[in-house]
Amino acid sequence: MNIDTYIQKREKEIVSSPSLLDVAAKIAISAIKPKGREGREKAVDASTINSLLTFLQSRRNVDELLVYIMRQMGRGEIDEDTGKLLLSNLKDKNVEEALTLLGYVKWIYETLDGLEKDYNSVRNVKDFKELVSILSK
């Protein structure tokens, strides 16, 4: 493959893929949804989000992170919806992209949790800018 073809291919991939912030917003929103009928707990605990980031920082291997996410799903630490979002959006990322994405997920999750945002007020958010609009009102 010559360099021009490679550059054109990468440009199409970058333009066609959703931004990391958009993906992170969807994952964080999924993670704050209420767990169970009483809804006192979130689908994913803040410490679990942090453990994903810590795991990848220490192991530096996205495939191992995917196995770890599957394990956490099996243990009930990550709900199925959030787990699927994580797996589908991390599987084709390199380590640096995955770290960036998980960092954004952590920040957005902490924002929603700290502001005690109700899941229902953000559940239909389609992208990061829409989330910013909701939070700025």
C-alpha atoms as a PDB file:
ATOM      1  CA  MET A   1       0.000   0.000   0.000  1.00  0.00           C
ATOM      2  CA  ASN A   2       1.458   3.366  -0.922  1.00  0.00           C
ATOM      3  CA  ILE A   3       1.464   6.304   1.468  1.00  0.00           C
ATOM      4  CA  ASP A   4      -1.332   8.216  -0.292  1.00  0.00           C
ATOM      5  CA  THR A   5      -3.677   5.223  -0.119  1.00  0.00           C
ATOM      6  CA  TYR A   6      -2.828   4.734   3.553  1.00  0.00           C
ATOM      7  CA  ILE A   7      -3.495   8.403   4.372  1.00  0.00           C
ATOM      8  CA  GLN A   8      -6.824   8.355   2.532  1.00  0.00           C
ATOM      9  CA  LYS A   9      -7.839   5.176   4.355  1.00  0.00           C
ATOM     10  CA  ARG A  10      -6.920   6.660   7.764  1.00  0.00           C
ATOM     11  CA  GLU A  11      -8.800   9.896   6.996  1.00  0.00           C
ATOM     12  CA  LYS A  12     -11.946   7.906   6.197  1.00  0.00           C
ATOM     13  CA  GLU A  13     -11.579   5.876   9.407  1.00  0.00           C
ATOM     14  CA  ILE A  14     -11.122   9.005  11.505  1.00  0.00           C
ATOM     15  CA  VAL A  15     -14.042  10.837   9.903  1.00  0.00           C
ATOM     16  CA  SER A  16     -16.411   7.864  10.016  1.00  0.00           C
ATOM     17  CA  SER A  17     -15.700   6.786  13.587  1.00  0.00           C
ATOM     18  CA  PRO A  18     -17.482   8.532  16.442  1.00  0.00           C
ATOM     19  CA  SER A  19     -15.295  10.732  18.564  1.00  0.00           C
ATOM     20  CA  LEU A  20     -13.837   9.282  21.736  1.00  0.00           C
ATOM     21  CA  LEU A  21     -15.769  11.852  23.761  1.00  0.00           C
ATOM     22  CA  ASP A  22     -19.064  10.764  22.188  1.00  0.00           C
ATOM     23  CA  VAL A  23     -18.299   7.117  22.930  1.00  0.00           C
ATOM     24  CA  ALA A  24     -17.137   7.940  26.463  1.00  0.00           C
ATOM     25  CA  ALA A  25     -20.355   9.838  27.152  1.00  0.00           C
ATOM     26  CA  LYS A  26     -22.460   6.842  26.087  1.00  0.00           C
ATOM     27  CA  ILE A  27     -20.414   4.440  28.208  1.00  0.00           C
ATOM     28  CA  ALA A  28     -20.480   6.697  31.294  1.00  0.00           C
ATOM     29  CA  ILE A  29     -24.227   7.250  30.976  1.00  0.00           C
ATOM     30  CA  SER A  30     -24.789   3.503  30.687  1.00  0.00           C
ATOM     31  CA  ALA A  31     -22.626   2.950  33.766  1.00  0.00           C
ATOM     32  CA  ILE A  32     -24.679   5.317  35.966  1.00  0.00           C
ATOM     33  CA  LYS A  33     -28.024   3.722  35.218  1.00  0.00           C
ATOM     34  CA  PRO A  34     -29.731   2.323  38.309  1.00  0.00           C
ATOM     35  CA  LYS A  35     -29.015  -1.273  39.234  1.00  0.00           C
ATOM     36  CA  GLY A  36     -31.976  -3.377  40.291  1.00  0.00           C
ATOM     37  CA  ARG A  37     -35.473  -2.282  41.185  1.00  0.00           C
ATOM     38  CA  GLU A  38     -34.628   0.014  44.063  1.00  0.00           C
ATOM     39  CA  GLY A  39     -32.041   1.828  41.991  1.00  0.00           C
ATOM     40  CA  ARG A  40     -29.840   2.858  44.899  1.00  0.00           C
ATOM     41  CA  GLU A  41     -26.697   1.484  43.281  1.00  0.00           C
ATOM     42  CA  LYS A  42     -25.341   2.293  39.863  1.00  0.00           C
ATOM     43  CA  ALA A  43     -24.867  -0.370  37.185  1.00  0.00           C
ATOM     44  CA  VAL A  44     -21.100   0.120  37.499  1.00  0.00           C
ATOM     45  CA  ASP A  45     -19.332   1.407  40.596  1.00  0.00           C
ATOM     46  CA  ALA A  46     -16.791   4.239  40.339  1.00  0.00           C
ATOM     47  CA  SER A  47     -14.071   1.940  41.663  1.00  0.00           C
ATOM     48  CA  THR A  48     -14.719  -0.487  38.791  1.00  0.00           C
ATOM     49  CA  ILE A  49     -14.308   2.298  36.223  1.00  0.00           C
ATOM     50  CA  ASN A  50     -11.046   3.252  37.904  1.00  0.00           C
ATOM     51  CA  SER A  51      -9.869  -0.372  37.982  1.00  0.00           C
ATOM     52  CA  LEU A  52     -10.212  -0.610  34.178  1.00  0.00           C
ATOM     53  CA  LEU A  53      -7.959   2.389  33.726  1.00  0.00           C
ATOM     54  CA  THR A  54      -5.457   1.132  36.289  1.00  0.00           C
ATOM     55  CA  PHE A  55      -5.442  -2.331  34.722  1.00  0.00           C
ATOM     56  CA  LEU A  56      -4.626  -0.968  31.271  1.00  0.00           C
ATOM     57  CA  GLN A  57      -2.000   1.424  32.611  1.00  0.00           C
ATOM     58  CA  SER A  58      -0.175  -1.459  34.259  1.00  0.00           C
ATOM     59  CA  ARG A  59      -0.682  -4.236  31.660  1.00  0.00           C
ATOM     60  CA  ARG A  60      -0.492  -2.082  28.471  1.00  0.00           C
ATOM     61  CA  ASN A  61      -2.473  -4.701  26.530  1.00  0.00           C
ATOM     62  CA  VAL A  62      -5.971  -4.036  25.166  1.00  0.00           C
ATOM     63  CA  ASP A  63      -6.764  -7.728  24.604  1.00  0.00           C
ATOM     64  CA  GLU A  64      -6.042  -8.470  28.272  1.00  0.00           C
ATOM     65  CA  LEU A  65      -8.282  -5.532  29.192  1.00  0.00           C
ATOM     66  CA  LEU A  66     -11.088  -7.056  27.118  1.00  0.00           C
ATOM     67  CA  VAL A  67     -10.731 -10.340  29.016  1.00  0.00           C
ATOM     68  CA  TYR A  68     -10.763  -8.410  32.301  1.00  0.00           C
ATOM     69  CA  ILE A  69     -13.955  -6.586  31.250  1.00  0.00           C
ATOM     70  CA  MET A  70     -15.604  -9.917  30.376  1.00  0.00           C
ATOM     71  CA  ARG A  71     -14.580 -11.278  33.774  1.00  0.00           C
ATOM     72  CA  GLN A  72     -16.061  -8.230  35.512  1.00  0.00           C
ATOM     73  CA  MET A  73     -19.271  -8.669  33.507  1.00  0.00           C
ATOM     74  CA  GLY A  74     -19.461 -12.295  34.620  1.00  0.00           C
ATOM     75  CA  ARG A  75     -18.977 -11.267  38.238  1.00  0.00           C
ATOM     76  CA  GLY A  76     -21.724  -8.624  37.994  1.00  0.00           C
ATOM     77  CA  GLU A  77     -19.312  -5.732  38.510  1.00  0.00           C
ATOM     78  CA  ILE A  78     -20.113  -4.386  35.032  1.00  0.00           C
ATOM     79  CA  ASP A  79     -23.662  -4.718  33.713  1.00  0.00           C
ATOM     80  CA  GLU A  80     -24.210  -6.327  30.328  1.00  0.00           C
ATOM     81  CA  ASP A  81     -25.129  -3.126  28.448  1.00  0.00           C
ATOM     82  CA  THR A  82     -22.112  -1.177  29.672  1.00  0.00           C
ATOM     83  CA  GLY A  83     -19.870  -4.194  29.145  1.00  0.00           C
ATOM     84  CA  LYS A  84     -20.985  -4.526  25.533  1.00  0.00           C
ATOM     85  CA  LEU A  85     -20.324  -0.829  24.936  1.00  0.00           C
ATOM     86  CA  LEU A  86     -16.860  -1.157  26.447  1.00  0.00           C
ATOM     87  CA  LEU A  87     -15.991  -4.300  24.488  1.00  0.00           C
ATOM     88  CA  SER A  88     -17.256  -3.041  21.138  1.00  0.00           C
ATOM     89  CA  ASN A  89     -15.531   0.322  21.460  1.00  0.00           C
ATOM     90  CA  LEU A  90     -12.216  -0.905  22.847  1.00  0.00           C
ATOM     91  CA  LYS A  91     -11.621  -3.976  20.664  1.00  0.00           C
ATOM     92  CA  ASP A  92     -10.034  -2.056  17.778  1.00  0.00           C
ATOM     93  CA  LYS A  93      -8.169   0.555  19.818  1.00  0.00           C
ATOM     94  CA  ASN A  94      -4.473   0.698  20.508  1.00  0.00           C
ATOM     95  CA  VAL A  95      -3.284   1.174  24.085  1.00  0.00           C
ATOM     96  CA  GLU A  96      -3.070   4.969  23.895  1.00  0.00           C
ATOM     97  CA  GLU A  97      -6.539   5.341  22.361  1.00  0.00           C
ATOM     98  CA  ALA A  98      -7.982   2.952  24.949  1.00  0.00           C
ATOM     99  CA  LEU A  99      -6.348   4.872  27.798  1.00  0.00           C
ATOM    100  CA  THR A 100      -7.727   8.128  26.446  1.00  0.00           C
ATOM    101  CA  LEU A 101     -11.213   6.660  26.083  1.00  0.00           C
ATOM    102  CA  LEU A 102     -11.205   5.193  29.600  1.00  0.00           C
ATOM    103  CA  GLY A 103      -9.890   8.467  31.004  1.00  0.00           C
ATOM    104  CA  TYR A 104     -12.807  10.309  29.399  1.00  0.00           C
ATOM    105  CA  VAL A 105     -15.248   7.675  30.690  1.00  0.00           C
ATOM    106  CA  LYS A 106     -13.883   8.169  34.207  1.00  0.00           C
ATOM    107  CA  TRP A 107     -14.159  11.960  34.039  1.00  0.00           C
ATOM    108  CA  ILE A 108     -17.690  11.939  32.618  1.00  0.00           C
ATOM    109  CA  TYR A 109     -18.817   9.244  35.081  1.00  0.00           C
ATOM    110  CA  GLU A 110     -17.392  11.239  38.010  1.00  0.00           C
ATOM    111  CA  THR A 111     -19.098  14.373  36.717  1.00  0.00           C
ATOM    112  CA  LEU A 112     -22.496  12.709  36.465  1.00  0.00           C
ATOM    113  CA  ASP A 113     -22.057  10.977  39.809  1.00  0.00           C
ATOM    114  CA  GLY A 114     -20.765  14.083  41.591  1.00  0.00           C
ATOM    115  CA  LEU A 115     -23.568  16.250  40.248  1.00  0.00           C
ATOM    116  CA  GLU A 116     -25.987  13.468  41.207  1.00  0.00           C
ATOM    117  CA  LYS A 117     -27.473  13.558  37.725  1.00  0.00           C
ATOM    118  CA  ASP A 118     -30.506  11.343  37.371  1.00  0.00           C
ATOM    119  CA  TYR A 119     -30.029   8.681  34.700  1.00  0.00           C
ATOM    120  CA  ASN A 120     -33.376   9.561  33.119  1.00  0.00           C
ATOM    121  CA  SER A 121     -32.212  13.127  32.475  1.00  0.00           C
ATOM    122  CA  VAL A 122     -29.271  11.941  30.358  1.00  0.00           C
ATOM    123  CA  ARG A 123     -30.222   8.503  29.064  1.00  0.00           C
ATOM    124  CA  ASN A 124     -31.191   9.717  25.583  1.00  0.00           C
ATOM    125  CA  VAL A 125     -28.023  11.743  25.027  1.00  0.00           C
ATOM    126  CA  LYS A 126     -26.635  11.051  21.563  1.00  0.00           C
ATOM    127  CA  ASP A 127     -23.231  12.706  21.810  1.00  0.00           C
ATOM    128  CA  PHE A 128     -20.831  14.585  24.051  1.00  0.00           C
ATOM    129  CA  LYS A 129     -21.999  18.067  22.958  1.00  0.00           C
ATOM    130  CA  GLU A 130     -25.577  17.207  23.869  1.00  0.00           C
ATOM    131  CA  LEU A 131     -24.399  16.108  27.329  1.00  0.00           C
ATOM    132  CA  VAL A 132     -22.550  19.400  27.730  1.00  0.00           C
ATOM    133  CA  SER A 133     -25.730  21.260  26.760  1.00  0.00           C
ATOM    134  CA  ILE A 134     -27.746  19.398  29.402  1.00  0.00           C
ATOM    135  CA  LEU A 135     -25.135  19.983  32.098  1.00  0.00           C
ATOM    136  CA  SER A 136     -24.826  23.686  31.268  1.00  0.00           C
ATOM    137  CA  LYS A 137     -28.527  24.430  31.833  1.00  0.00           C
END
